Amino acid sequence: MPNTPRVDKVEYERRIRIVQEWLVDDWPYQDVISQIIKKWDLEERQAKRYIKCARERWSKAAQAEINEKLARRIESLQKLKRSMKAEYIGTPAGMHAQLAVEKEIIKLEGIAAPQKLEHSGKDGKPLMPTETVHRVIFEDYGGA
């Protein structure tokens, strides 16, 4: 059982970065574990924690980037709404434009109620292939 002292924050961050590089290089999971154990004299359990931490950091970074893009887009739409020329404010066209921008902001913020989509045929009946589709599929292509 390895008996290594705890590493400081800088060394830990360096190790996680090295593990991320191995993962980017597409090393097999077991090879990464073996390399961590060999290189830093750690238990398998700790090696798995290193891998988990390396992967979580990517997820957090990706989510932060998405959130930043979303915030920029929302701010851009709000600026667009504020920059409407005075001559259009209060007119039907201006109000329509503001409403369109507001709808887009609501959609991006995820505060709109989800819409239920139901696919059905005429008069709410189930969708069924037409005779033409049936003939093309089954007769023209050797079907039953």
N, C-alpha and C. Protein backbone atom coordinates (compact mmCIF):
# COMPACT_ATOMS: atom_id res chain seq x y z
N MET A 1 0.84 -1.18 0.00
CA MET A 1 0.00 0.00 0.00
C MET A 1 0.89 1.24 0.00
N PRO A 2 0.76 2.08 -1.00
CA PRO A 2 1.59 3.28 -1.07
C PRO A 2 1.33 4.19 0.13
N ASN A 3 2.39 4.80 0.57
CA ASN A 3 2.28 5.70 1.72
C ASN A 3 2.91 7.03 1.33
N THR A 4 2.24 7.73 0.42
CA THR A 4 2.76 9.01 -0.03
C THR A 4 2.07 10.14 0.71
N PRO A 5 2.81 11.19 1.02
CA PRO A 5 2.18 12.33 1.70
C PRO A 5 1.25 13.07 0.74
N ARG A 6 0.35 13.84 1.31
CA ARG A 6 -0.56 14.64 0.50
C ARG A 6 0.24 15.65 -0.31
N VAL A 7 -0.23 15.91 -1.50
CA VAL A 7 0.46 16.88 -2.36
C VAL A 7 -0.20 18.24 -2.19
N ASP A 8 0.61 19.28 -2.47
CA ASP A 8 0.05 20.63 -2.35
C ASP A 8 -0.84 20.93 -3.56
N LYS A 9 -1.53 22.05 -3.50
CA LYS A 9 -2.53 22.43 -4.51
C LYS A 9 -1.89 22.55 -5.91
N VAL A 10 -0.71 23.12 -5.96
CA VAL A 10 -0.04 23.32 -7.25
C VAL A 10 0.28 21.97 -7.90
N GLU A 11 0.83 21.05 -7.10
CA GLU A 11 1.17 19.72 -7.62
C GLU A 11 -0.09 18.97 -8.04
N TYR A 12 -1.15 19.08 -7.25
CA TYR A 12 -2.40 18.42 -7.58
C TYR A 12 -2.94 18.93 -8.91
N GLU A 13 -2.93 20.25 -9.11
CA GLU A 13 -3.41 20.84 -10.37
C GLU A 13 -2.56 20.39 -11.55
N ARG A 14 -1.26 20.29 -11.33
CA ARG A 14 -0.36 19.82 -12.39
C ARG A 14 -0.70 18.37 -12.77
N ARG A 15 -0.95 17.55 -11.78
CA ARG A 15 -1.29 16.15 -12.03
C ARG A 15 -2.61 16.02 -12.79
N ILE A 16 -3.59 16.79 -12.40
CA ILE A 16 -4.89 16.74 -13.09
C ILE A 16 -4.71 17.16 -14.55
N ARG A 17 -3.89 18.16 -14.78
CA ARG A 17 -3.62 18.61 -16.15
C ARG A 17 -2.95 17.51 -16.97
N ILE A 18 -2.02 16.80 -16.36
CA ILE A 18 -1.34 15.69 -17.05
C ILE A 18 -2.35 14.59 -17.39
N VAL A 19 -3.24 14.28 -16.45
CA VAL A 19 -4.28 13.27 -16.69
C VAL A 19 -5.18 13.72 -17.84
N GLN A 20 -5.53 14.99 -17.87
CA GLN A 20 -6.35 15.50 -18.98
C GLN A 20 -5.63 15.33 -20.31
N GLU A 21 -4.33 15.56 -20.33
CA GLU A 21 -3.57 15.37 -21.57
C GLU A 21 -3.59 13.92 -22.01
N TRP A 22 -3.49 12.99 -21.07
CA TRP A 22 -3.55 11.56 -21.42
C TRP A 22 -4.92 11.23 -22.00
N LEU A 23 -5.95 11.79 -21.41
CA LEU A 23 -7.31 11.53 -21.90
C LEU A 23 -7.51 12.14 -23.30
N VAL A 24 -6.96 13.32 -23.52
CA VAL A 24 -7.05 13.95 -24.83
C VAL A 24 -6.30 13.11 -25.86
N ASP A 25 -5.19 12.51 -25.45
CA ASP A 25 -4.43 11.64 -26.35
C ASP A 25 -5.11 10.30 -26.56
N ASP A 26 -6.30 10.14 -25.97
CA ASP A 26 -7.14 8.96 -26.16
C ASP A 26 -6.51 7.68 -25.60
N TRP A 27 -5.85 7.81 -24.46
CA TRP A 27 -5.33 6.62 -23.80
C TRP A 27 -6.50 5.82 -23.25
N PRO A 28 -6.42 4.50 -23.30
CA PRO A 28 -7.47 3.68 -22.68
C PRO A 28 -7.55 3.95 -21.18
N TYR A 29 -8.75 3.85 -20.65
CA TYR A 29 -9.02 4.14 -19.24
C TYR A 29 -8.07 3.38 -18.32
N GLN A 30 -7.91 2.08 -18.55
CA GLN A 30 -7.05 1.26 -17.67
C GLN A 30 -5.60 1.69 -17.78
N ASP A 31 -5.16 2.10 -18.96
CA ASP A 31 -3.78 2.57 -19.11
C ASP A 31 -3.55 3.86 -18.34
N VAL A 32 -4.54 4.73 -18.32
CA VAL A 32 -4.40 5.97 -17.56
C VAL A 32 -4.31 5.64 -16.07
N ILE A 33 -5.16 4.74 -15.60
CA ILE A 33 -5.10 4.34 -14.19
C ILE A 33 -3.73 3.76 -13.86
N SER A 34 -3.24 2.86 -14.71
CA SER A 34 -1.93 2.24 -14.48
C SER A 34 -0.83 3.29 -14.45
N GLN A 35 -0.90 4.23 -15.36
CA GLN A 35 0.14 5.27 -15.42
C GLN A 35 0.11 6.17 -14.18
N ILE A 36 -1.08 6.51 -13.71
CA ILE A 36 -1.20 7.33 -12.49
C ILE A 36 -0.59 6.58 -11.30
N ILE A 37 -0.95 5.31 -11.16
CA ILE A 37 -0.44 4.50 -10.05
C ILE A 37 1.08 4.43 -10.11
N LYS A 38 1.61 4.17 -11.30
CA LYS A 38 3.06 4.02 -11.46
C LYS A 38 3.80 5.34 -11.26
N LYS A 39 3.28 6.41 -11.87
CA LYS A 39 3.98 7.70 -11.85
C LYS A 39 3.97 8.37 -10.48
N TRP A 40 2.83 8.27 -9.77
CA TRP A 40 2.72 9.01 -8.51
C TRP A 40 2.55 8.11 -7.29
N ASP A 41 2.67 6.80 -7.49
CA ASP A 41 2.60 5.84 -6.39
C ASP A 41 1.30 6.01 -5.58
N LEU A 42 0.18 5.93 -6.31
CA LEU A 42 -1.13 6.11 -5.67
C LEU A 42 -1.94 4.82 -5.76
N GLU A 43 -2.99 4.76 -4.98
CA GLU A 43 -3.93 3.64 -5.03
C GLU A 43 -4.81 3.78 -6.28
N GLU A 44 -5.40 2.68 -6.70
CA GLU A 44 -6.30 2.70 -7.86
C GLU A 44 -7.49 3.62 -7.60
N ARG A 45 -7.96 3.60 -6.39
CA ARG A 45 -9.11 4.45 -6.03
C ARG A 45 -8.79 5.94 -6.24
N GLN A 46 -7.58 6.33 -5.83
CA GLN A 46 -7.17 7.73 -6.01
C GLN A 46 -6.96 8.04 -7.49
N ALA A 47 -6.45 7.08 -8.25
CA ALA A 47 -6.25 7.27 -9.68
C ALA A 47 -7.60 7.53 -10.36
N LYS A 48 -8.63 6.79 -9.95
CA LYS A 48 -9.96 6.99 -10.52
C LYS A 48 -10.51 8.36 -10.15
N ARG A 49 -10.17 8.83 -8.95
CA ARG A 49 -10.60 10.18 -8.56
C ARG A 49 -9.94 11.24 -9.44
N TYR A 50 -8.67 11.05 -9.75
CA TYR A 50 -7.97 11.99 -10.63
C TYR A 50 -8.67 12.06 -11.98
N ILE A 51 -9.02 10.90 -12.54
CA ILE A 51 -9.68 10.86 -13.84
C ILE A 51 -11.04 11.54 -13.76
N LYS A 52 -11.78 11.25 -12.70
CA LYS A 52 -13.10 11.86 -12.52
C LYS A 52 -12.97 13.38 -12.43
N CYS A 53 -12.00 13.86 -11.68
CA CYS A 53 -11.79 15.30 -11.54
C CYS A 53 -11.43 15.93 -12.88
N ALA A 54 -10.57 15.26 -13.64
CA ALA A 54 -10.16 15.77 -14.95
C ALA A 54 -11.36 15.90 -15.88
N ARG A 55 -12.23 14.90 -15.88
CA ARG A 55 -13.42 14.94 -16.73
C ARG A 55 -14.42 15.98 -16.28
N GLU A 56 -14.62 16.12 -14.96
CA GLU A 56 -15.57 17.11 -14.43
C GLU A 56 -15.14 18.53 -14.79
N ARG A 57 -13.85 18.76 -14.81
CA ARG A 57 -13.37 20.11 -15.15
C ARG A 57 -13.71 20.46 -16.58
N TRP A 58 -13.66 19.49 -17.47
CA TRP A 58 -14.07 19.75 -18.85
C TRP A 58 -15.54 20.09 -18.91
N SER A 59 -16.35 19.33 -18.18
CA SER A 59 -17.80 19.57 -18.18
C SER A 59 -18.12 20.95 -17.66
N LYS A 60 -17.48 21.32 -16.56
CA LYS A 60 -17.72 22.64 -15.97
C LYS A 60 -17.28 23.75 -16.91
N ALA A 61 -16.13 23.56 -17.56
CA ALA A 61 -15.62 24.57 -18.48
C ALA A 61 -16.56 24.72 -19.68
N ALA A 62 -17.05 23.60 -20.20
CA ALA A 62 -17.96 23.65 -21.34
C ALA A 62 -19.26 24.33 -20.95
N GLN A 63 -19.80 24.00 -19.78
CA GLN A 63 -21.05 24.61 -19.33
C GLN A 63 -20.87 26.10 -19.09
N ALA A 64 -19.72 26.50 -18.54
CA ALA A 64 -19.46 27.92 -18.31
C ALA A 64 -19.41 28.67 -19.63
N GLU A 65 -18.82 28.05 -20.65
CA GLU A 65 -18.75 28.68 -21.97
C GLU A 65 -20.15 28.84 -22.57
N ILE A 66 -20.97 27.82 -22.43
CA ILE A 66 -22.34 27.89 -22.94
C ILE A 66 -23.11 28.99 -22.22
N ASN A 67 -22.97 29.05 -20.90
CA ASN A 67 -23.66 30.09 -20.12
C ASN A 67 -23.21 31.49 -20.53
N GLU A 68 -21.92 31.63 -20.80
CA GLU A 68 -21.39 32.93 -21.21
C GLU A 68 -21.95 33.34 -22.57
N LYS A 69 -22.00 32.42 -23.51
CA LYS A 69 -22.56 32.71 -24.82
C LYS A 69 -24.04 33.07 -24.72
N LEU A 70 -24.75 32.35 -23.88
CA LEU A 70 -26.17 32.61 -23.67
C LEU A 70 -26.38 34.01 -23.09
N ALA A 71 -25.58 34.37 -22.10
CA ALA A 71 -25.70 35.69 -21.48
C ALA A 71 -25.38 36.79 -22.49
N ARG A 72 -24.37 36.57 -23.32
CA ARG A 72 -24.04 37.57 -24.35
C ARG A 72 -25.17 37.73 -25.35
N ARG A 73 -25.78 36.63 -25.74
CA ARG A 73 -26.88 36.69 -26.71
C ARG A 73 -28.09 37.42 -26.13
N ILE A 74 -28.40 37.12 -24.88
CA ILE A 74 -29.52 37.80 -24.22
C ILE A 74 -29.26 39.29 -24.11
N GLU A 75 -28.04 39.65 -23.73
CA GLU A 75 -27.69 41.07 -23.63
C GLU A 75 -27.77 41.75 -24.99
N SER A 76 -27.35 41.05 -26.03
CA SER A 76 -27.43 41.59 -27.39
C SER A 76 -28.88 41.85 -27.79
N LEU A 77 -29.76 40.92 -27.46
CA LEU A 77 -31.18 41.11 -27.78
C LEU A 77 -31.78 42.26 -26.98
N GLN A 78 -31.39 42.40 -25.72
CA GLN A 78 -31.90 43.50 -24.91
C GLN A 78 -31.42 44.85 -25.46
N LYS A 79 -30.17 44.87 -25.93
CA LYS A 79 -29.65 46.09 -26.53
C LYS A 79 -30.42 46.43 -27.81
N LEU A 80 -30.71 45.39 -28.59
CA LEU A 80 -31.48 45.59 -29.81
C LEU A 80 -32.85 46.20 -29.49
N LYS A 81 -33.48 45.69 -28.45
CA LYS A 81 -34.79 46.19 -28.04
C LYS A 81 -34.70 47.65 -27.58
N ARG A 82 -33.65 47.97 -26.84
CA ARG A 82 -33.49 49.35 -26.35
C ARG A 82 -33.14 50.33 -27.46
N SER A 83 -32.55 49.83 -28.55
CA SER A 83 -32.08 50.73 -29.59
C SER A 83 -33.14 51.05 -30.65
N MET A 84 -34.38 50.70 -30.40
CA MET A 84 -35.44 50.98 -31.37
C MET A 84 -35.58 52.49 -31.54
N LYS A 85 -35.72 52.89 -32.78
CA LYS A 85 -35.89 54.31 -33.08
C LYS A 85 -37.18 54.81 -32.45
N ALA A 86 -37.15 56.04 -32.00
CA ALA A 86 -38.29 56.65 -31.32
C ALA A 86 -39.54 56.67 -32.19
N GLU A 87 -39.36 56.79 -33.47
CA GLU A 87 -40.52 56.86 -34.37
C GLU A 87 -41.31 55.56 -34.43
N TYR A 88 -40.68 54.43 -34.03
CA TYR A 88 -41.37 53.13 -34.08
C TYR A 88 -41.95 52.72 -32.72
N ILE A 89 -41.53 53.37 -31.65
CA ILE A 89 -42.01 53.01 -30.32
C ILE A 89 -43.51 53.31 -30.25
N GLY A 90 -44.29 52.33 -29.82
CA GLY A 90 -45.72 52.50 -29.68
C GLY A 90 -46.52 52.20 -30.94
N THR A 91 -45.84 52.03 -32.07
CA THR A 91 -46.56 51.69 -33.30
C THR A 91 -46.78 50.18 -33.34
N PRO A 92 -47.75 49.73 -34.12
CA PRO A 92 -47.96 48.29 -34.22
C PRO A 92 -46.71 47.53 -34.68
N ALA A 93 -46.00 48.06 -35.66
CA ALA A 93 -44.78 47.39 -36.14
C ALA A 93 -43.71 47.35 -35.05
N GLY A 94 -43.56 48.45 -34.32
CA GLY A 94 -42.57 48.51 -33.24
C GLY A 94 -42.91 47.55 -32.12
N MET A 95 -44.20 47.51 -31.78
CA MET A 95 -44.62 46.60 -30.71
C MET A 95 -44.43 45.15 -31.14
N HIS A 96 -44.68 44.85 -32.41
CA HIS A 96 -44.48 43.50 -32.92
C HIS A 96 -43.00 43.12 -32.84
N ALA A 97 -42.13 44.06 -33.21
CA ALA A 97 -40.69 43.81 -33.16
C ALA A 97 -40.23 43.58 -31.71
N GLN A 98 -40.72 44.41 -30.78
CA GLN A 98 -40.36 44.23 -29.37
C GLN A 98 -40.85 42.89 -28.84
N LEU A 99 -42.04 42.51 -29.22
CA LEU A 99 -42.59 41.24 -28.78
C LEU A 99 -41.75 40.07 -29.31
N ALA A 100 -41.32 40.16 -30.56
CA ALA A 100 -40.48 39.10 -31.14
C ALA A 100 -39.17 38.97 -30.37
N VAL A 101 -38.57 40.09 -30.01
CA VAL A 101 -37.32 40.07 -29.24
C VAL A 101 -37.58 39.49 -27.85
N GLU A 102 -38.67 39.90 -27.22
CA GLU A 102 -39.01 39.38 -25.89
C GLU A 102 -39.21 37.87 -25.92
N LYS A 103 -39.91 37.38 -26.96
CA LYS A 103 -40.13 35.94 -27.08
C LYS A 103 -38.80 35.19 -27.20
N GLU A 104 -37.89 35.75 -27.96
CA GLU A 104 -36.57 35.12 -28.13
C GLU A 104 -35.81 35.10 -26.81
N ILE A 105 -35.87 36.19 -26.06
CA ILE A 105 -35.20 36.25 -24.75
C ILE A 105 -35.80 35.21 -23.81
N ILE A 106 -37.12 35.13 -23.77
CA ILE A 106 -37.79 34.16 -22.90
C ILE A 106 -37.39 32.73 -23.28
N LYS A 107 -37.30 32.47 -24.57
CA LYS A 107 -36.91 31.14 -25.02
C LYS A 107 -35.47 30.83 -24.59
N LEU A 108 -34.57 31.78 -24.75
CA LEU A 108 -33.17 31.57 -24.37
C LEU A 108 -33.01 31.39 -22.86
N GLU A 109 -33.80 32.12 -22.09
CA GLU A 109 -33.72 32.01 -20.63
C GLU A 109 -34.36 30.73 -20.11
N GLY A 110 -35.14 30.07 -20.97
CA GLY A 110 -35.77 28.81 -20.58
C GLY A 110 -36.93 28.98 -19.63
N ILE A 111 -37.57 30.14 -19.66
CA ILE A 111 -38.69 30.36 -18.74
C ILE A 111 -40.05 30.20 -19.41
N ALA A 112 -40.03 29.86 -20.69
CA ALA A 112 -41.30 29.61 -21.39
C ALA A 112 -41.79 28.21 -21.02
N ALA A 113 -43.09 28.06 -20.96
CA ALA A 113 -43.66 26.75 -20.68
C ALA A 113 -43.38 25.82 -21.85
N PRO A 114 -43.02 24.58 -21.57
CA PRO A 114 -42.75 23.66 -22.68
C PRO A 114 -44.01 23.41 -23.49
N GLN A 115 -43.82 23.23 -24.77
CA GLN A 115 -44.95 22.99 -25.65
C GLN A 115 -45.08 21.50 -25.90
N LYS A 116 -46.31 21.03 -25.86
CA LYS A 116 -46.58 19.63 -26.14
C LYS A 116 -46.89 19.51 -27.63
N LEU A 117 -46.15 18.66 -28.30
CA LEU A 117 -46.39 18.44 -29.71
C LEU A 117 -46.97 17.05 -29.88
N GLU A 118 -48.06 16.97 -30.61
CA GLU A 118 -48.70 15.69 -30.85
C GLU A 118 -48.85 15.54 -32.36
N HIS A 119 -48.32 14.46 -32.86
CA HIS A 119 -48.43 14.20 -34.29
C HIS A 119 -49.63 13.29 -34.52
N SER A 120 -50.53 13.74 -35.35
CA SER A 120 -51.70 12.92 -35.65
C SER A 120 -52.15 13.22 -37.08
N GLY A 121 -52.96 12.34 -37.56
CA GLY A 121 -53.49 12.50 -38.90
C GLY A 121 -54.73 13.37 -38.91
N LYS A 122 -55.49 13.27 -39.99
CA LYS A 122 -56.70 14.07 -40.16
C LYS A 122 -57.70 13.75 -39.05
N ASP A 123 -58.29 14.78 -38.49
CA ASP A 123 -59.29 14.66 -37.42
C ASP A 123 -58.76 13.93 -36.19
N GLY A 124 -57.46 14.05 -35.91
CA GLY A 124 -56.88 13.44 -34.72
C GLY A 124 -56.64 11.95 -34.81
N LYS A 125 -56.87 11.38 -35.98
CA LYS A 125 -56.65 9.94 -36.15
C LYS A 125 -55.15 9.66 -36.25
N PRO A 126 -54.73 8.42 -35.97
CA PRO A 126 -53.31 8.09 -36.06
C PRO A 126 -52.78 8.28 -37.47
N LEU A 127 -51.51 8.59 -37.56
CA LEU A 127 -50.88 8.74 -38.87
C LEU A 127 -50.70 7.37 -39.49
N MET A 128 -51.16 7.23 -40.70
CA MET A 128 -51.02 5.96 -41.42
C MET A 128 -50.48 6.28 -42.81
N PRO A 129 -49.63 5.39 -43.34
CA PRO A 129 -49.12 5.64 -44.69
C PRO A 129 -50.26 5.61 -45.71
N THR A 130 -50.15 6.45 -46.69
CA THR A 130 -51.18 6.48 -47.75
C THR A 130 -50.98 5.31 -48.69
N GLU A 131 -51.96 5.08 -49.53
CA GLU A 131 -51.87 3.99 -50.51
C GLU A 131 -50.66 4.18 -51.41
N THR A 132 -50.39 5.42 -51.81
CA THR A 132 -49.27 5.70 -52.69
C THR A 132 -47.96 5.30 -52.02
N VAL A 133 -47.78 5.70 -50.77
CA VAL A 133 -46.57 5.34 -50.03
C VAL A 133 -46.48 3.83 -49.90
N HIS A 134 -47.58 3.20 -49.57
CA HIS A 134 -47.61 1.75 -49.41
C HIS A 134 -47.22 1.05 -50.71
N ARG A 135 -47.78 1.53 -51.83
CA ARG A 135 -47.48 0.93 -53.12
C ARG A 135 -46.01 1.11 -53.47
N VAL A 136 -45.49 2.31 -53.28
CA VAL A 136 -44.09 2.59 -53.63
C VAL A 136 -43.16 1.72 -52.81
N ILE A 137 -43.41 1.61 -51.52
CA ILE A 137 -42.53 0.85 -50.66
C ILE A 137 -42.61 -0.64 -50.95
N PHE A 138 -43.82 -1.16 -51.03
CA PHE A 138 -43.97 -2.60 -51.09
C PHE A 138 -44.00 -3.18 -52.51
N GLU A 139 -44.56 -2.46 -53.46
CA GLU A 139 -44.68 -3.04 -54.79
C GLU A 139 -43.48 -2.67 -55.66
N ASP A 140 -43.09 -1.41 -55.66
CA ASP A 140 -42.00 -0.98 -56.53
C ASP A 140 -40.64 -1.50 -56.07
N TYR A 141 -40.49 -1.79 -54.80
CA TYR A 141 -39.20 -2.25 -54.29
C TYR A 141 -39.22 -3.71 -53.86
N GLY A 142 -40.16 -4.46 -54.36
CA GLY A 142 -40.17 -5.89 -54.13
C GLY A 142 -40.67 -6.30 -52.77
N GLY A 143 -41.43 -5.45 -52.12
CA GLY A 143 -41.98 -5.79 -50.80
C GLY A 143 -43.15 -6.75 -50.94
N ALA A 144 -43.74 -7.10 -49.85
CA ALA A 144 -44.83 -8.06 -49.83
C ALA A 144 -46.06 -7.57 -50.56
